[in-house]
Amino acid sequence: MLASAGALVEHHDVPDVDHGYDGEDENEEAARASYALIARHIRQATSSGA
Protein backbone atom coordinates (compact mmCIF):
# COMPACT_ATOMS: atom_id res chain seq x y z
CA MET A 1 0.00 0.00 0.00
CA LEU A 2 2.74 2.47 0.89
CA ALA A 3 4.79 1.59 -2.18
CA SER A 4 1.78 2.10 -4.46
CA ALA A 5 1.40 5.58 -2.96
CA GLY A 6 4.99 6.39 -3.90
CA ALA A 7 6.56 5.92 -0.46
CA LEU A 8 10.06 4.48 -0.18
CA VAL A 9 9.49 1.08 1.39
CA GLU A 10 12.06 -1.47 2.53
CA HIS A 11 12.14 -3.94 5.40
CA HIS A 12 15.38 -4.68 7.22
CA ASP A 13 15.76 -6.99 10.20
CA VAL A 14 18.53 -5.96 12.58
CA PRO A 15 19.17 -8.98 14.82
CA ASP A 16 20.47 -8.76 18.37
CA VAL A 17 19.67 -5.08 18.98
CA ASP A 18 16.98 -3.48 21.10
CA HIS A 19 14.45 -0.91 19.90
CA GLY A 20 16.43 2.22 20.73
CA TYR A 21 19.95 1.20 19.73
CA ASP A 22 22.42 3.84 18.60
CA GLY A 23 26.14 4.35 17.94
CA GLU A 24 27.00 3.92 21.60
CA ASP A 25 25.50 0.42 21.94
CA GLU A 26 27.55 -2.74 21.77
CA ASN A 27 26.41 -3.27 18.16
CA GLU A 28 27.69 0.04 16.80
CA GLU A 29 28.15 -1.44 13.33
CA ALA A 30 24.42 -2.25 13.04
CA ALA A 31 23.50 1.25 14.19
CA ARG A 32 25.81 2.88 11.65
CA ALA A 33 24.43 0.70 8.85
CA SER A 34 20.86 1.60 9.82
CA TYR A 35 21.63 5.32 9.92
CA ALA A 36 23.31 5.06 6.51
CA LEU A 37 20.17 3.40 5.15
CA ILE A 38 17.98 6.15 6.61
CA ALA A 39 20.26 8.82 5.12
CA ARG A 40 20.09 7.12 1.72
CA HIS A 41 16.29 7.15 1.84
CA ILE A 42 16.23 10.81 2.80
CA ARG A 43 18.59 11.71 -0.05
CA GLN A 44 16.48 9.68 -2.47
CA ALA A 45 13.22 11.24 -1.27
CA THR A 46 14.55 14.78 -1.47
CA SER A 47 16.56 14.55 -4.69
CA SER A 48 15.47 16.58 -7.67
CA GLY A 49 14.46 13.39 -9.49
CA ALA A 50 11.95 12.35 -6.84
PDB file of N, CA and C in Angstrom:
ATOM      1  N   MET A   1       0.817  -1.192   0.000  1.00  0.00           N
ATOM      2  CA  MET A   1       0.000   0.000   0.000  1.00  0.00           C
ATOM      3  C   MET A   1       0.864   1.261   0.000  1.00  0.00           C
ATOM      4  N   LEU A   2       1.871   1.299   0.859  1.00  0.00           N
ATOM      5  CA  LEU A   2       2.742   2.468   0.890  1.00  0.00           C
ATOM      6  C   LEU A   2       3.500   2.636  -0.411  1.00  0.00           C
ATOM      7  N   ALA A   3       4.032   1.522  -0.937  1.00  0.00           N
ATOM      8  CA  ALA A   3       4.793   1.595  -2.181  1.00  0.00           C
ATOM      9  C   ALA A   3       3.910   2.092  -3.326  1.00  0.00           C
ATOM     10  N   SER A   4       2.670   1.660  -3.382  1.00  0.00           N
ATOM     11  CA  SER A   4       1.780   2.099  -4.460  1.00  0.00           C
ATOM     12  C   SER A   4       1.440   3.580  -4.348  1.00  0.00           C
ATOM     13  N   ALA A   5       1.622   4.151  -3.155  1.00  0.00           N
ATOM     14  CA  ALA A   5       1.397   5.583  -2.962  1.00  0.00           C
ATOM     15  C   ALA A   5       2.656   6.388  -3.219  1.00  0.00           C
ATOM     16  N   GLY A   6       3.749   5.703  -3.585  1.00  0.00           N
ATOM     17  CA  GLY A   6       4.988   6.395  -3.902  1.00  0.00           C
ATOM     18  C   GLY A   6       5.972   6.497  -2.741  1.00  0.00           C
ATOM     19  N   ALA A   7       5.659   5.877  -1.613  1.00  0.00           N
ATOM     20  CA  ALA A   7       6.565   5.921  -0.460  1.00  0.00           C
ATOM     21  C   ALA A   7       7.744   4.985  -0.692  1.00  0.00           C
ATOM     22  N   LEU A   8       8.892   5.365  -0.137  1.00  0.00           N
ATOM     23  CA  LEU A   8      10.056   4.480  -0.175  1.00  0.00           C
ATOM     24  C   LEU A   8       9.847   3.413   0.880  1.00  0.00           C
ATOM     25  N   VAL A   9       9.804   2.163   0.456  1.00  0.00           N
ATOM     26  CA  VAL A   9       9.486   1.084   1.390  1.00  0.00           C
ATOM     27  C   VAL A   9      10.543  -0.013   1.291  1.00  0.00           C
ATOM     28  N   GLU A  10      11.147  -0.336   2.415  1.00  0.00           N
ATOM     29  CA  GLU A  10      12.061  -1.470   2.534  1.00  0.00           C
ATOM     30  C   GLU A  10      11.900  -2.023   3.938  1.00  0.00           C
ATOM     31  N   HIS A  11      12.162  -3.312   4.076  1.00  0.00           N
ATOM     32  CA  HIS A  11      12.137  -3.939   5.396  1.00  0.00           C
ATOM     33  C   HIS A  11      13.517  -4.505   5.676  1.00  0.00           C
ATOM     34  N   HIS A  12      14.066  -4.174   6.832  1.00  0.00           N
ATOM     35  CA  HIS A  12      15.380  -4.679   7.224  1.00  0.00           C
ATOM     36  C   HIS A  12      15.299  -5.190   8.655  1.00  0.00           C
ATOM     37  N   ASP A  13      15.632  -6.449   8.857  1.00  0.00           N
ATOM     38  CA  ASP A  13      15.761  -6.994  10.205  1.00  0.00           C
ATOM     39  C   ASP A  13      17.158  -6.668  10.712  1.00  0.00           C
ATOM     40  N   VAL A  14      17.237  -6.235  11.950  1.00  0.00           N
ATOM     41  CA  VAL A  14      18.531  -5.962  12.582  1.00  0.00           C
ATOM     42  C   VAL A  14      18.586  -6.841  13.826  1.00  0.00           C
ATOM     43  N   PRO A  15      19.172  -8.029  13.700  1.00  0.00           N
ATOM     44  CA  PRO A  15      19.168  -8.977  14.815  1.00  0.00           C
ATOM     45  C   PRO A  15      20.052  -8.528  15.973  1.00  0.00           C
ATOM     46  N   ASP A  16      19.681  -8.956  17.155  1.00  0.00           N
ATOM     47  CA  ASP A  16      20.470  -8.758  18.373  1.00  0.00           C
ATOM     48  C   ASP A  16      20.627  -7.312  18.803  1.00  0.00           C
ATOM     49  N   VAL A  17      19.656  -6.462  18.478  1.00  0.00           N
ATOM     50  CA  VAL A  17      19.668  -5.084  18.980  1.00  0.00           C
ATOM     51  C   VAL A  17      18.299  -4.785  19.580  1.00  0.00           C
ATOM     52  N   ASP A  18      18.265  -3.852  20.530  1.00  0.00           N
ATOM     53  CA  ASP A  18      16.980  -3.476  21.101  1.00  0.00           C
ATOM     54  C   ASP A  18      16.358  -2.345  20.278  1.00  0.00           C
ATOM     55  N   HIS A  19      15.202  -1.891  20.686  1.00  0.00           N
ATOM     56  CA  HIS A  19      14.450  -0.908  19.898  1.00  0.00           C
ATOM     57  C   HIS A  19      15.187   0.416  19.740  1.00  0.00           C
ATOM     58  N   GLY A  20      15.834   0.890  20.770  1.00  0.00           N
ATOM     59  CA  GLY A  20      16.432   2.219  20.727  1.00  0.00           C
ATOM     60  C   GLY A  20      17.938   2.214  20.592  1.00  0.00           C
ATOM     61  N   TYR A  21      18.498   1.276  19.821  1.00  0.00           N
ATOM     62  CA  TYR A  21      19.954   1.197  19.728  1.00  0.00           C
ATOM     63  C   TYR A  21      20.504   2.403  18.978  1.00  0.00           C
ATOM     64  N   ASP A  22      21.750   2.742  19.285  1.00  0.00           N
ATOM     65  CA  ASP A  22      22.425   3.838  18.602  1.00  0.00           C
ATOM     66  C   ASP A  22      23.923   3.563  18.526  1.00  0.00           C
ATOM     67  N   GLY A  23      24.713   4.526  18.132  1.00  0.00           N
ATOM     68  CA  GLY A  23      26.139   4.346  17.939  1.00  0.00           C
ATOM     69  C   GLY A  23      26.915   4.068  19.204  1.00  0.00           C
ATOM     70  N   GLU A  24      26.291   4.181  20.361  1.00  0.00           N
ATOM     71  CA  GLU A  24      26.995   3.918  21.603  1.00  0.00           C
ATOM     72  C   GLU A  24      26.674   2.535  22.166  1.00  0.00           C
ATOM     73  N   ASP A  25      25.830   1.776  21.507  1.00  0.00           N
ATOM     74  CA  ASP A  25      25.502   0.421  21.943  1.00  0.00           C
ATOM     75  C   ASP A  25      26.618  -0.538  21.560  1.00  0.00           C
ATOM     76  N   GLU A  26      26.519  -1.754  22.062  1.00  0.00           N
ATOM     77  CA  GLU A  26      27.547  -2.744  21.765  1.00  0.00           C
ATOM     78  C   GLU A  26      27.560  -3.138  20.296  1.00  0.00           C
ATOM     79  N   ASN A  27      26.469  -2.937  19.582  1.00  0.00           N
ATOM     80  CA  ASN A  27      26.413  -3.269  18.158  1.00  0.00           C
ATOM     81  C   ASN A  27      26.448  -1.981  17.330  1.00  0.00           C
ATOM     82  N   GLU A  28      27.528  -1.243  17.481  1.00  0.00           N
ATOM     83  CA  GLU A  28      27.685   0.040  16.797  1.00  0.00           C
ATOM     84  C   GLU A  28      27.622  -0.112  15.278  1.00  0.00           C
ATOM     85  N   GLU A  29      28.148  -1.214  14.774  1.00  0.00           N
ATOM     86  CA  GLU A  29      28.146  -1.445  13.326  1.00  0.00           C
ATOM     87  C   GLU A  29      26.718  -1.499  12.772  1.00  0.00           C
ATOM     88  N   ALA A  30      25.814  -2.170  13.472  1.00  0.00           N
ATOM     89  CA  ALA A  30      24.417  -2.250  13.037  1.00  0.00           C
ATOM     90  C   ALA A  30      23.765  -0.875  13.067  1.00  0.00           C
ATOM     91  N   ALA A  31      24.067  -0.090  14.092  1.00  0.00           N
ATOM     92  CA  ALA A  31      23.498   1.249  14.186  1.00  0.00           C
ATOM     93  C   ALA A  31      23.983   2.110  13.027  1.00  0.00           C
ATOM     94  N   ARG A  32      25.261   2.078  12.748  1.00  0.00           N
ATOM     95  CA  ARG A  32      25.810   2.882  11.647  1.00  0.00           C
ATOM     96  C   ARG A  32      25.206   2.461  10.307  1.00  0.00           C
ATOM     97  N   ALA A  33      25.030   1.177  10.094  1.00  0.00           N
ATOM     98  CA  ALA A  33      24.429   0.695   8.848  1.00  0.00           C
ATOM     99  C   ALA A  33      22.978   1.164   8.731  1.00  0.00           C
ATOM    100  N   SER A  34      22.253   1.148   9.830  1.00  0.00           N
ATOM    101  CA  SER A  34      20.859   1.600   9.820  1.00  0.00           C
ATOM    102  C   SER A  34      20.765   3.089   9.535  1.00  0.00           C
ATOM    103  N   TYR A  35      21.639   3.881  10.167  1.00  0.00           N
ATOM    104  CA  TYR A  35      21.630   5.322   9.922  1.00  0.00           C
ATOM    105  C   TYR A  35      22.021   5.641   8.483  1.00  0.00           C
ATOM    106  N   ALA A  36      22.942   4.870   7.909  1.00  0.00           N
ATOM    107  CA  ALA A  36      23.309   5.062   6.506  1.00  0.00           C
ATOM    108  C   ALA A  36      22.118   4.762   5.598  1.00  0.00           C
ATOM    109  N   LEU A  37      21.365   3.738   5.929  1.00  0.00           N
ATOM    110  CA  LEU A  37      20.169   3.398   5.153  1.00  0.00           C
ATOM    111  C   LEU A  37      19.131   4.519   5.233  1.00  0.00           C
ATOM    112  N   ILE A  38      18.919   5.044   6.433  1.00  0.00           N
ATOM    113  CA  ILE A  38      17.975   6.152   6.613  1.00  0.00           C
ATOM    114  C   ILE A  38      18.429   7.361   5.807  1.00  0.00           C
ATOM    115  N   ALA A  39      19.727   7.675   5.868  1.00  0.00           N
ATOM    116  CA  ALA A  39      20.262   8.821   5.119  1.00  0.00           C
ATOM    117  C   ALA A  39      20.070   8.636   3.619  1.00  0.00           C
ATOM    118  N   ARG A  40      20.285   7.397   3.144  1.00  0.00           N
ATOM    119  CA  ARG A  40      20.086   7.125   1.718  1.00  0.00           C
ATOM    120  C   ARG A  40      18.645   7.363   1.311  1.00  0.00           C
ATOM    121  N   HIS A  41      17.712   6.938   2.139  1.00  0.00           N
ATOM    122  CA  HIS A  41      16.295   7.147   1.840  1.00  0.00           C
ATOM    123  C   HIS A  41      15.945   8.635   1.835  1.00  0.00           C
ATOM    124  N   ILE A  42      16.496   9.373   2.767  1.00  0.00           N
ATOM    125  CA  ILE A  42      16.226  10.813   2.804  1.00  0.00           C
ATOM    126  C   ILE A  42      16.780  11.488   1.552  1.00  0.00           C
ATOM    127  N   ARG A  43      18.014  11.129   1.168  1.00  0.00           N
ATOM    128  CA  ARG A  43      18.592  11.707  -0.055  1.00  0.00           C
ATOM    129  C   ARG A  43      17.740  11.353  -1.261  1.00  0.00           C
ATOM    130  N   GLN A  44      17.304  10.110  -1.339  1.00  0.00           N
ATOM    131  CA  GLN A  44      16.478   9.682  -2.474  1.00  0.00           C
ATOM    132  C   GLN A  44      15.150  10.428  -2.500  1.00  0.00           C
ATOM    133  N   ALA A  45      14.540  10.590  -1.344  1.00  0.00           N
ATOM    134  CA  ALA A  45      13.222  11.236  -1.268  1.00  0.00           C
ATOM    135  C   ALA A  45      13.288  12.722  -1.559  1.00  0.00           C
ATOM    136  N   THR A  46      14.448  13.325  -1.306  1.00  0.00           N
ATOM    137  CA  THR A  46      14.547  14.784  -1.468  1.00  0.00           C
ATOM    138  C   THR A  46      15.368  15.189  -2.680  1.00  0.00           C
ATOM    139  N   SER A  47      15.778  14.222  -3.488  1.00  0.00           N
ATOM    140  CA  SER A  47      16.561  14.554  -4.687  1.00  0.00           C
ATOM    141  C   SER A  47      15.658  15.185  -5.725  1.00  0.00           C
ATOM    142  N   SER A  48      16.261  15.877  -6.648  1.00  0.00           N
ATOM    143  CA  SER A  48      15.474  16.579  -7.670  1.00  0.00           C
ATOM    144  C   SER A  48      14.719  15.629  -8.576  1.00  0.00           C
ATOM    145  N   GLY A  49      15.143  14.362  -8.641  1.00  0.00           N
ATOM    146  CA  GLY A  49      14.458  13.388  -9.489  1.00  0.00           C
ATOM    147  C   GLY A  49      13.284  12.713  -8.832  1.00  0.00           C
ATOM    148  N   ALA A  50      13.026  13.028  -7.558  1.00  0.00           N
ATOM    149  CA  ALA A  50      11.949  12.350  -6.842  1.00  0.00           C
ATOM    150  C   ALA A  50      10.599  12.912  -7.180  1.00  0.00           C
TER     151      ALA A  50
END
